[in-house]
Amino acid sequence: MIEELVAVQPETVTTPDGWIVDADTGEIIRHSCDAFAVTDRDSAEWVLEKMQEVDASIVADEIRLRVIAERIQSRIKHQEQRRNWLRNRFAGELEEYAQSALTGQKARTLILDNGKISFRKTPGSTTVIDMAAAIVWAKSNAPDALKVTETVLVTPLKGRDDLPEAIFTVTPPSEKCTIETGIK
């Protein structure tokens, strides 16, 4: 028995602004204006108006997202301040307790129900406070610690036609079309 293949169309919903959307997934399938064509100023204005409406909606949602994120960041900051106060207030006592609890053991971490207190050996480090003075000092005391960096500036090379293709990529001047609604 040969079964006939039947194309199943998803159930769709048309939004008030003409978008035909898959009802299950929310995916945009097409716009009801698919047969529409830009042929004059009015039709071009209509398309740009629709684009501007969508751009405005995007900006509004981005603002909402930023405001909500700022509120959550503020709550996180308050919680971090509380945690930092607890850490500063009790760090010495926790360290002292953990050292005494680990005395005589190989373990370097005290594991408790609500966290752990670990001890790790760290290597020392050197940081430069005054780079200019450090360079002068290193030239006479530790020349192997100096780093010399060379780069190529491309501005003086613009317009040259003798640049090797294996070394440089040259993009010729071109024209670019930009479509904007004025909403950013």
N, C-alpha and C. Protein backbone atom coordinates (compact mmCIF):
# COMPACT_ATOMS: atom_id res chain seq x y z
N MET A 1 0.84 -1.18 0.00
CA MET A 1 0.00 0.00 0.00
C MET A 1 0.88 1.24 0.00
N ILE A 2 0.65 2.12 -0.90
CA ILE A 2 1.41 3.36 -1.00
C ILE A 2 0.61 4.46 -0.30
N GLU A 3 1.30 5.07 0.67
CA GLU A 3 0.63 6.15 1.39
C GLU A 3 0.90 7.46 0.69
N GLU A 4 -0.11 8.28 0.64
CA GLU A 4 0.03 9.60 0.03
C GLU A 4 0.64 10.56 1.04
N LEU A 5 1.63 11.31 0.58
CA LEU A 5 2.23 12.31 1.44
C LEU A 5 1.39 13.57 1.38
N VAL A 6 1.03 14.05 2.52
CA VAL A 6 0.20 15.25 2.59
C VAL A 6 0.97 16.32 3.34
N ALA A 7 1.10 17.48 2.74
CA ALA A 7 1.78 18.59 3.40
C ALA A 7 0.86 19.14 4.49
N VAL A 8 1.40 19.22 5.67
CA VAL A 8 0.62 19.73 6.80
C VAL A 8 1.04 21.17 7.04
N GLN A 9 0.09 22.07 6.96
CA GLN A 9 0.34 23.48 7.21
C GLN A 9 0.19 23.74 8.70
N PRO A 10 1.13 24.46 9.28
CA PRO A 10 0.98 24.77 10.70
C PRO A 10 -0.19 25.73 10.90
N GLU A 11 -0.78 25.64 12.08
CA GLU A 11 -1.86 26.57 12.41
C GLU A 11 -1.24 27.94 12.61
N THR A 12 -1.82 28.94 11.97
CA THR A 12 -1.23 30.27 12.02
C THR A 12 -2.18 31.28 12.63
N VAL A 13 -1.58 32.38 13.06
CA VAL A 13 -2.32 33.51 13.62
C VAL A 13 -1.81 34.75 12.90
N THR A 14 -2.72 35.65 12.58
CA THR A 14 -2.31 36.92 11.96
C THR A 14 -2.39 38.01 13.02
N THR A 15 -1.27 38.68 13.23
CA THR A 15 -1.23 39.75 14.24
C THR A 15 -1.91 41.00 13.69
N PRO A 16 -2.29 41.94 14.55
CA PRO A 16 -2.96 43.15 14.07
C PRO A 16 -2.14 43.94 13.05
N ASP A 17 -0.81 43.80 13.11
CA ASP A 17 0.01 44.55 12.15
C ASP A 17 0.38 43.73 10.92
N GLY A 18 -0.30 42.60 10.71
CA GLY A 18 -0.17 41.86 9.45
C GLY A 18 0.82 40.71 9.42
N TRP A 19 1.48 40.37 10.52
CA TRP A 19 2.43 39.25 10.53
C TRP A 19 1.68 37.94 10.67
N ILE A 20 2.03 36.97 9.84
CA ILE A 20 1.45 35.64 9.93
C ILE A 20 2.45 34.79 10.70
N VAL A 21 1.99 34.29 11.86
CA VAL A 21 2.87 33.65 12.82
C VAL A 21 2.40 32.23 13.10
N ASP A 22 3.36 31.29 13.25
CA ASP A 22 3.04 29.92 13.63
C ASP A 22 2.50 29.97 15.06
N ALA A 23 1.29 29.46 15.27
CA ALA A 23 0.63 29.56 16.57
C ALA A 23 1.36 28.75 17.65
N ASP A 24 2.03 27.67 17.26
CA ASP A 24 2.71 26.83 18.25
C ASP A 24 4.08 27.37 18.65
N THR A 25 4.85 27.84 17.68
CA THR A 25 6.23 28.23 17.95
C THR A 25 6.44 29.73 18.05
N GLY A 26 5.53 30.53 17.51
CA GLY A 26 5.71 31.98 17.50
C GLY A 26 6.61 32.44 16.36
N GLU A 27 7.03 31.52 15.51
CA GLU A 27 7.92 31.85 14.40
C GLU A 27 7.16 32.65 13.35
N ILE A 28 7.80 33.71 12.84
CA ILE A 28 7.19 34.51 11.78
C ILE A 28 7.30 33.73 10.47
N ILE A 29 6.17 33.51 9.83
CA ILE A 29 6.15 32.78 8.56
C ILE A 29 6.26 33.74 7.40
N ARG A 30 5.48 34.79 7.42
CA ARG A 30 5.54 35.81 6.37
C ARG A 30 4.68 36.98 6.81
N HIS A 31 4.63 37.99 5.98
CA HIS A 31 3.78 39.14 6.23
C HIS A 31 2.65 39.11 5.21
N SER A 32 1.52 39.62 5.59
CA SER A 32 0.37 39.59 4.69
C SER A 32 0.56 40.47 3.46
N CYS A 33 1.63 41.25 3.44
CA CYS A 33 1.87 42.15 2.31
C CYS A 33 2.83 41.55 1.29
N ASP A 34 2.99 40.22 1.26
CA ASP A 34 3.96 39.59 0.36
C ASP A 34 3.77 40.00 -1.10
N ALA A 35 2.57 40.29 -1.52
CA ALA A 35 2.33 40.68 -2.91
C ALA A 35 2.58 42.16 -3.12
N PHE A 36 2.82 42.90 -2.06
CA PHE A 36 3.06 44.34 -2.12
C PHE A 36 4.41 44.61 -2.77
N ALA A 37 4.54 45.71 -3.49
CA ALA A 37 5.80 46.10 -4.10
C ALA A 37 6.01 47.60 -3.93
N VAL A 38 7.27 47.99 -3.76
CA VAL A 38 7.62 49.40 -3.66
C VAL A 38 7.73 49.94 -5.08
N THR A 39 6.83 50.87 -5.42
CA THR A 39 6.82 51.41 -6.78
C THR A 39 6.84 52.93 -6.82
N ASP A 40 6.57 53.56 -5.67
CA ASP A 40 6.54 55.02 -5.65
C ASP A 40 6.86 55.51 -4.25
N ARG A 41 6.81 56.82 -4.06
CA ARG A 41 7.14 57.40 -2.76
C ARG A 41 6.22 56.89 -1.65
N ASP A 42 4.92 56.82 -1.92
CA ASP A 42 3.97 56.38 -0.89
C ASP A 42 4.26 54.95 -0.45
N SER A 43 4.54 54.06 -1.41
CA SER A 43 4.81 52.67 -1.04
C SER A 43 6.14 52.55 -0.29
N ALA A 44 7.15 53.37 -0.67
CA ALA A 44 8.42 53.37 0.05
C ALA A 44 8.21 53.88 1.47
N GLU A 45 7.40 54.94 1.62
CA GLU A 45 7.11 55.48 2.95
C GLU A 45 6.38 54.45 3.82
N TRP A 46 5.48 53.67 3.20
CA TRP A 46 4.75 52.66 3.96
C TRP A 46 5.72 51.63 4.54
N VAL A 47 6.66 51.15 3.71
CA VAL A 47 7.63 50.15 4.18
C VAL A 47 8.50 50.74 5.28
N LEU A 48 9.00 51.97 5.07
CA LEU A 48 9.85 52.59 6.09
C LEU A 48 9.08 52.84 7.39
N GLU A 49 7.79 53.17 7.28
CA GLU A 49 6.96 53.35 8.48
C GLU A 49 6.87 52.04 9.26
N LYS A 50 6.64 50.94 8.54
CA LYS A 50 6.56 49.63 9.20
C LYS A 50 7.89 49.29 9.86
N MET A 51 9.00 49.56 9.17
CA MET A 51 10.33 49.30 9.74
C MET A 51 10.55 50.18 10.98
N GLN A 52 10.11 51.43 10.91
CA GLN A 52 10.27 52.35 12.03
C GLN A 52 9.46 51.88 13.24
N GLU A 53 8.26 51.38 13.01
CA GLU A 53 7.44 50.86 14.11
C GLU A 53 8.14 49.69 14.80
N VAL A 54 8.73 48.80 14.00
CA VAL A 54 9.45 47.65 14.58
C VAL A 54 10.69 48.14 15.32
N ASP A 55 11.44 49.11 14.74
CA ASP A 55 12.61 49.65 15.42
C ASP A 55 12.22 50.28 16.75
N ALA A 56 11.13 51.01 16.78
CA ALA A 56 10.67 51.65 18.02
C ALA A 56 10.31 50.58 19.06
N SER A 57 9.70 49.51 18.61
CA SER A 57 9.36 48.42 19.52
C SER A 57 10.62 47.77 20.09
N ILE A 58 11.64 47.59 19.25
CA ILE A 58 12.91 47.02 19.71
C ILE A 58 13.54 47.92 20.75
N VAL A 59 13.58 49.23 20.48
CA VAL A 59 14.17 50.18 21.43
C VAL A 59 13.41 50.16 22.75
N ALA A 60 12.09 50.11 22.67
CA ALA A 60 11.29 50.07 23.91
C ALA A 60 11.61 48.82 24.72
N ASP A 61 11.71 47.68 24.05
CA ASP A 61 12.04 46.44 24.76
C ASP A 61 13.45 46.47 25.33
N GLU A 62 14.40 47.07 24.58
CA GLU A 62 15.76 47.19 25.09
C GLU A 62 15.80 48.06 26.33
N ILE A 63 15.00 49.14 26.35
CA ILE A 63 14.94 50.01 27.52
C ILE A 63 14.35 49.25 28.70
N ARG A 64 13.26 48.53 28.46
CA ARG A 64 12.65 47.72 29.53
C ARG A 64 13.67 46.72 30.09
N LEU A 65 14.38 46.06 29.18
CA LEU A 65 15.38 45.08 29.60
C LEU A 65 16.46 45.74 30.44
N ARG A 66 16.94 46.92 30.02
CA ARG A 66 17.98 47.63 30.75
C ARG A 66 17.49 48.04 32.14
N VAL A 67 16.24 48.52 32.24
CA VAL A 67 15.69 48.94 33.53
C VAL A 67 15.56 47.74 34.47
N ILE A 68 15.04 46.64 33.95
CA ILE A 68 14.90 45.44 34.78
C ILE A 68 16.27 44.93 35.21
N ALA A 69 17.24 44.92 34.28
CA ALA A 69 18.59 44.47 34.61
C ALA A 69 19.21 45.37 35.68
N GLU A 70 18.98 46.69 35.59
CA GLU A 70 19.51 47.61 36.59
C GLU A 70 18.92 47.33 37.97
N ARG A 71 17.63 47.02 38.01
CA ARG A 71 16.99 46.70 39.29
C ARG A 71 17.60 45.44 39.89
N ILE A 72 17.78 44.43 39.05
CA ILE A 72 18.36 43.17 39.54
C ILE A 72 19.81 43.39 39.96
N GLN A 73 20.58 44.18 39.18
CA GLN A 73 21.97 44.48 39.55
C GLN A 73 22.02 45.19 40.90
N SER A 74 21.06 46.08 41.15
CA SER A 74 21.01 46.78 42.43
C SER A 74 20.78 45.79 43.58
N ARG A 75 19.87 44.84 43.37
CA ARG A 75 19.62 43.82 44.40
C ARG A 75 20.86 42.98 44.62
N ILE A 76 21.53 42.61 43.54
CA ILE A 76 22.76 41.81 43.65
C ILE A 76 23.81 42.59 44.42
N LYS A 77 23.95 43.88 44.14
CA LYS A 77 24.94 44.72 44.82
C LYS A 77 24.69 44.74 46.33
N HIS A 78 23.41 44.88 46.72
CA HIS A 78 23.08 44.87 48.16
C HIS A 78 23.43 43.53 48.79
N GLN A 79 23.14 42.45 48.09
CA GLN A 79 23.48 41.12 48.62
C GLN A 79 24.99 40.94 48.72
N GLU A 80 25.73 41.45 47.73
CA GLU A 80 27.20 41.36 47.76
C GLU A 80 27.75 42.15 48.95
N GLN A 81 27.15 43.31 49.22
CA GLN A 81 27.59 44.10 50.38
C GLN A 81 27.37 43.32 51.67
N ARG A 82 26.26 42.63 51.79
CA ARG A 82 25.99 41.83 52.99
C ARG A 82 26.99 40.68 53.11
N ARG A 83 27.22 39.99 51.98
CA ARG A 83 28.19 38.89 51.99
C ARG A 83 29.58 39.40 52.35
N ASN A 84 29.98 40.53 51.75
CA ASN A 84 31.31 41.08 52.03
C ASN A 84 31.45 41.49 53.49
N TRP A 85 30.39 42.02 54.08
CA TRP A 85 30.44 42.38 55.49
C TRP A 85 30.68 41.12 56.33
N LEU A 86 29.90 40.07 56.03
CA LEU A 86 30.08 38.81 56.77
C LEU A 86 31.49 38.25 56.59
N ARG A 87 32.00 38.31 55.34
CA ARG A 87 33.36 37.81 55.07
C ARG A 87 34.38 38.63 55.86
N ASN A 88 34.27 39.96 55.80
CA ASN A 88 35.23 40.80 56.51
C ASN A 88 35.14 40.61 58.02
N ARG A 89 33.94 40.49 58.52
CA ARG A 89 33.75 40.35 59.96
C ARG A 89 34.27 39.02 60.49
N PHE A 90 34.06 37.92 59.73
CA PHE A 90 34.37 36.60 60.27
C PHE A 90 35.54 35.88 59.59
N ALA A 91 36.17 36.46 58.59
CA ALA A 91 37.24 35.76 57.85
C ALA A 91 38.35 35.28 58.77
N GLY A 92 38.82 36.16 59.65
CA GLY A 92 39.91 35.77 60.55
C GLY A 92 39.52 34.62 61.46
N GLU A 93 38.31 34.68 61.99
CA GLU A 93 37.85 33.62 62.89
C GLU A 93 37.65 32.31 62.14
N LEU A 94 37.10 32.38 60.91
CA LEU A 94 36.93 31.16 60.11
C LEU A 94 38.28 30.54 59.78
N GLU A 95 39.24 31.37 59.41
CA GLU A 95 40.58 30.87 59.08
C GLU A 95 41.22 30.21 60.30
N GLU A 96 41.11 30.86 61.45
CA GLU A 96 41.68 30.31 62.68
C GLU A 96 41.02 28.98 63.04
N TYR A 97 39.69 28.92 62.92
CA TYR A 97 38.98 27.68 63.23
C TYR A 97 39.40 26.56 62.27
N ALA A 98 39.47 26.86 60.98
CA ALA A 98 39.83 25.84 59.99
C ALA A 98 41.25 25.33 60.22
N GLN A 99 42.17 26.23 60.55
CA GLN A 99 43.55 25.80 60.82
C GLN A 99 43.59 24.85 61.99
N SER A 100 42.84 25.15 63.03
CA SER A 100 42.85 24.26 64.20
C SER A 100 42.16 22.94 63.89
N ALA A 101 41.09 22.97 63.07
CA ALA A 101 40.37 21.74 62.71
C ALA A 101 41.21 20.86 61.80
N LEU A 102 42.09 21.46 61.00
CA LEU A 102 42.92 20.69 60.07
C LEU A 102 44.28 20.30 60.65
N THR A 103 44.57 20.72 61.86
CA THR A 103 45.86 20.41 62.49
C THR A 103 46.07 18.90 62.54
N GLY A 104 47.24 18.48 62.06
CA GLY A 104 47.58 17.06 62.07
C GLY A 104 47.06 16.30 60.87
N GLN A 105 46.38 16.95 59.94
CA GLN A 105 45.86 16.27 58.75
C GLN A 105 46.62 16.72 57.51
N LYS A 106 46.60 15.87 56.48
CA LYS A 106 47.19 16.26 55.20
C LYS A 106 46.27 17.21 54.44
N ALA A 107 45.00 17.12 54.73
CA ALA A 107 44.01 17.93 54.01
C ALA A 107 44.29 19.41 54.20
N ARG A 108 44.06 20.18 53.15
CA ARG A 108 44.23 21.63 53.20
C ARG A 108 42.88 22.34 53.05
N THR A 109 41.78 21.54 53.05
CA THR A 109 40.43 22.09 52.93
C THR A 109 39.54 21.50 54.00
N LEU A 110 38.86 22.39 54.72
CA LEU A 110 37.87 21.97 55.70
C LEU A 110 36.52 22.07 55.04
N ILE A 111 35.85 20.92 54.86
CA ILE A 111 34.56 20.90 54.19
C ILE A 111 33.46 20.85 55.24
N LEU A 112 32.59 21.84 55.18
CA LEU A 112 31.46 21.95 56.10
C LEU A 112 30.17 21.83 55.30
N ASP A 113 29.03 21.76 55.97
CA ASP A 113 27.75 21.61 55.27
C ASP A 113 27.43 22.80 54.37
N ASN A 114 27.80 24.00 54.78
CA ASN A 114 27.42 25.20 54.03
C ASN A 114 28.58 25.88 53.31
N GLY A 115 29.65 25.16 53.12
CA GLY A 115 30.78 25.74 52.40
C GLY A 115 32.07 25.05 52.77
N LYS A 116 33.15 25.60 52.33
CA LYS A 116 34.45 25.04 52.65
C LYS A 116 35.46 26.15 52.84
N ILE A 117 36.48 25.85 53.60
CA ILE A 117 37.55 26.80 53.87
C ILE A 117 38.83 26.12 53.42
N SER A 118 39.50 26.72 52.42
CA SER A 118 40.66 26.09 51.81
C SER A 118 41.90 26.93 52.00
N PHE A 119 43.03 26.25 52.09
CA PHE A 119 44.33 26.91 52.16
C PHE A 119 45.14 26.45 50.96
N ARG A 120 45.69 27.40 50.23
CA ARG A 120 46.50 27.09 49.05
C ARG A 120 47.76 27.94 49.08
N LYS A 121 48.87 27.32 48.70
CA LYS A 121 50.11 28.07 48.58
C LYS A 121 50.06 28.85 47.27
N THR A 122 50.48 30.09 47.32
CA THR A 122 50.48 30.92 46.11
C THR A 122 51.89 31.42 45.83
N PRO A 123 52.26 31.47 44.56
CA PRO A 123 53.58 32.01 44.23
C PRO A 123 53.57 33.53 44.40
N GLY A 124 54.71 34.10 44.65
CA GLY A 124 54.80 35.55 44.74
C GLY A 124 54.63 36.15 43.35
N SER A 125 54.47 37.45 43.28
CA SER A 125 54.32 38.11 41.99
C SER A 125 55.01 39.45 42.02
N THR A 126 55.30 39.97 40.84
CA THR A 126 55.91 41.28 40.70
C THR A 126 55.05 42.09 39.76
N THR A 127 54.70 43.31 40.15
CA THR A 127 53.94 44.20 39.28
C THR A 127 54.71 45.50 39.11
N VAL A 128 54.53 46.12 37.98
CA VAL A 128 55.21 47.38 37.69
C VAL A 128 54.30 48.52 38.10
N ILE A 129 54.82 49.42 38.91
CA ILE A 129 54.06 50.58 39.36
C ILE A 129 54.31 51.76 38.42
N ASP A 130 55.58 51.96 38.03
CA ASP A 130 55.97 53.07 37.16
C ASP A 130 56.72 52.48 35.96
N MET A 131 56.02 52.32 34.81
CA MET A 131 56.59 51.65 33.65
C MET A 131 57.83 52.36 33.13
N ALA A 132 57.79 53.67 33.04
CA ALA A 132 58.94 54.42 32.50
C ALA A 132 60.18 54.19 33.36
N ALA A 133 60.04 54.28 34.67
CA ALA A 133 61.16 54.06 35.58
C ALA A 133 61.62 52.61 35.53
N ALA A 134 60.68 51.68 35.36
CA ALA A 134 61.04 50.26 35.29
C ALA A 134 61.85 49.97 34.03
N ILE A 135 61.52 50.63 32.92
CA ILE A 135 62.27 50.44 31.67
C ILE A 135 63.69 50.96 31.82
N VAL A 136 63.84 52.14 32.40
CA VAL A 136 65.18 52.71 32.62
C VAL A 136 66.00 51.77 33.51
N TRP A 137 65.39 51.29 34.58
CA TRP A 137 66.09 50.39 35.50
C TRP A 137 66.47 49.09 34.79
N ALA A 138 65.53 48.50 34.03
CA ALA A 138 65.78 47.21 33.38
C ALA A 138 66.86 47.31 32.30
N LYS A 139 66.96 48.45 31.62
CA LYS A 139 67.99 48.62 30.58
C LYS A 139 69.39 48.40 31.15
N SER A 140 69.61 48.85 32.38
CA SER A 140 70.95 48.70 32.95
C SER A 140 71.07 47.51 33.89
N ASN A 141 69.98 47.01 34.44
CA ASN A 141 70.06 45.93 35.43
C ASN A 141 69.54 44.57 34.96
N ALA A 142 68.60 44.56 34.03
CA ALA A 142 68.01 43.29 33.57
C ALA A 142 67.54 43.43 32.13
N PRO A 143 68.47 43.58 31.17
CA PRO A 143 68.07 43.80 29.77
C PRO A 143 67.22 42.67 29.19
N ASP A 144 67.36 41.47 29.73
CA ASP A 144 66.54 40.35 29.24
C ASP A 144 65.07 40.49 29.64
N ALA A 145 64.76 41.41 30.54
CA ALA A 145 63.37 41.63 30.96
C ALA A 145 62.66 42.66 30.08
N LEU A 146 63.37 43.27 29.13
CA LEU A 146 62.75 44.26 28.25
C LEU A 146 62.01 43.58 27.12
N LYS A 147 60.89 44.16 26.72
CA LYS A 147 60.09 43.64 25.62
C LYS A 147 59.98 44.74 24.57
N VAL A 148 60.34 44.41 23.33
CA VAL A 148 60.26 45.36 22.23
C VAL A 148 59.15 44.89 21.30
N THR A 149 58.23 45.79 20.94
CA THR A 149 57.10 45.44 20.09
C THR A 149 57.14 46.28 18.83
N GLU A 150 56.97 45.61 17.66
CA GLU A 150 56.92 46.31 16.38
C GLU A 150 55.58 46.01 15.72
N THR A 151 55.01 47.02 15.06
CA THR A 151 53.77 46.83 14.30
C THR A 151 53.90 47.61 12.99
N VAL A 152 52.95 47.39 12.09
CA VAL A 152 52.92 48.11 10.81
C VAL A 152 51.69 49.00 10.79
N LEU A 153 51.89 50.27 10.49
CA LEU A 153 50.77 51.21 10.34
C LEU A 153 50.27 51.11 8.91
N VAL A 154 48.97 50.92 8.71
CA VAL A 154 48.43 50.74 7.36
C VAL A 154 48.07 52.05 6.68
N THR A 155 47.91 53.13 7.42
CA THR A 155 47.54 54.40 6.80
C THR A 155 48.54 54.85 5.73
N PRO A 156 49.86 54.78 5.98
CA PRO A 156 50.79 55.20 4.93
C PRO A 156 50.80 54.28 3.71
N LEU A 157 50.18 53.10 3.83
CA LEU A 157 50.17 52.13 2.72
C LEU A 157 48.96 52.29 1.82
N LYS A 158 47.97 53.09 2.23
CA LYS A 158 46.75 53.25 1.43
C LYS A 158 47.09 53.79 0.04
N GLY A 159 46.47 53.23 -0.97
CA GLY A 159 46.65 53.68 -2.34
C GLY A 159 47.82 53.02 -3.05
N ARG A 160 48.63 52.26 -2.36
CA ARG A 160 49.76 51.59 -3.01
C ARG A 160 49.26 50.36 -3.73
N ASP A 161 49.82 50.10 -4.90
CA ASP A 161 49.41 48.92 -5.66
C ASP A 161 50.50 47.86 -5.69
N ASP A 162 51.56 48.03 -4.88
CA ASP A 162 52.65 47.06 -4.86
C ASP A 162 52.66 46.20 -3.59
N LEU A 163 51.53 46.16 -2.88
CA LEU A 163 51.47 45.37 -1.64
C LEU A 163 51.30 43.89 -1.97
N PRO A 164 52.14 43.01 -1.43
CA PRO A 164 52.03 41.57 -1.70
C PRO A 164 50.71 41.01 -1.18
N GLU A 165 49.99 40.28 -2.02
CA GLU A 165 48.68 39.72 -1.65
C GLU A 165 48.78 38.68 -0.54
N ALA A 166 49.93 38.04 -0.41
CA ALA A 166 50.09 37.04 0.65
C ALA A 166 50.24 37.68 2.02
N ILE A 167 50.52 38.98 2.03
CA ILE A 167 50.76 39.68 3.30
C ILE A 167 49.63 40.65 3.65
N PHE A 168 49.03 41.27 2.64
CA PHE A 168 48.02 42.29 2.88
C PHE A 168 46.72 41.95 2.15
N THR A 169 45.60 42.34 2.73
CA THR A 169 44.32 42.28 2.06
C THR A 169 43.90 43.72 1.80
N VAL A 170 43.67 44.03 0.54
CA VAL A 170 43.27 45.38 0.16
C VAL A 170 41.82 45.35 -0.29
N THR A 171 40.99 46.13 0.35
CA THR A 171 39.59 46.24 -0.02
C THR A 171 39.41 47.55 -0.77
N PRO A 172 39.00 47.48 -2.02
CA PRO A 172 38.87 48.72 -2.79
C PRO A 172 37.68 49.55 -2.31
N PRO A 173 37.70 50.85 -2.61
CA PRO A 173 36.56 51.69 -2.24
C PRO A 173 35.29 51.17 -2.91
N SER A 174 34.17 51.33 -2.23
CA SER A 174 32.89 50.87 -2.79
C SER A 174 31.78 51.78 -2.29
N GLU A 175 30.58 51.50 -2.74
CA GLU A 175 29.42 52.26 -2.31
C GLU A 175 28.56 51.34 -1.46
N LYS A 176 28.02 51.89 -0.40
CA LYS A 176 27.21 51.10 0.52
C LYS A 176 25.85 51.77 0.64
N CYS A 177 24.80 50.97 0.57
CA CYS A 177 23.44 51.48 0.73
C CYS A 177 23.01 51.25 2.18
N THR A 178 22.55 52.28 2.83
CA THR A 178 22.08 52.17 4.21
C THR A 178 20.62 52.55 4.26
N ILE A 179 19.82 51.72 4.95
CA ILE A 179 18.40 52.00 5.11
C ILE A 179 18.17 52.23 6.59
N GLU A 180 17.70 53.42 6.95
CA GLU A 180 17.51 53.78 8.34
C GLU A 180 16.11 54.33 8.57
N THR A 181 15.60 54.10 9.77
CA THR A 181 14.30 54.64 10.12
C THR A 181 14.43 55.84 11.05
N GLY A 182 15.65 56.11 11.51
CA GLY A 182 15.86 57.23 12.41
C GLY A 182 15.80 56.83 13.87
N ILE A 183 15.44 55.59 14.16
CA ILE A 183 15.37 55.11 15.54
C ILE A 183 16.55 54.19 15.77
N LYS A 184 17.29 54.50 16.82
CA LYS A 184 18.48 53.68 17.11
C LYS A 184 18.38 53.15 18.51
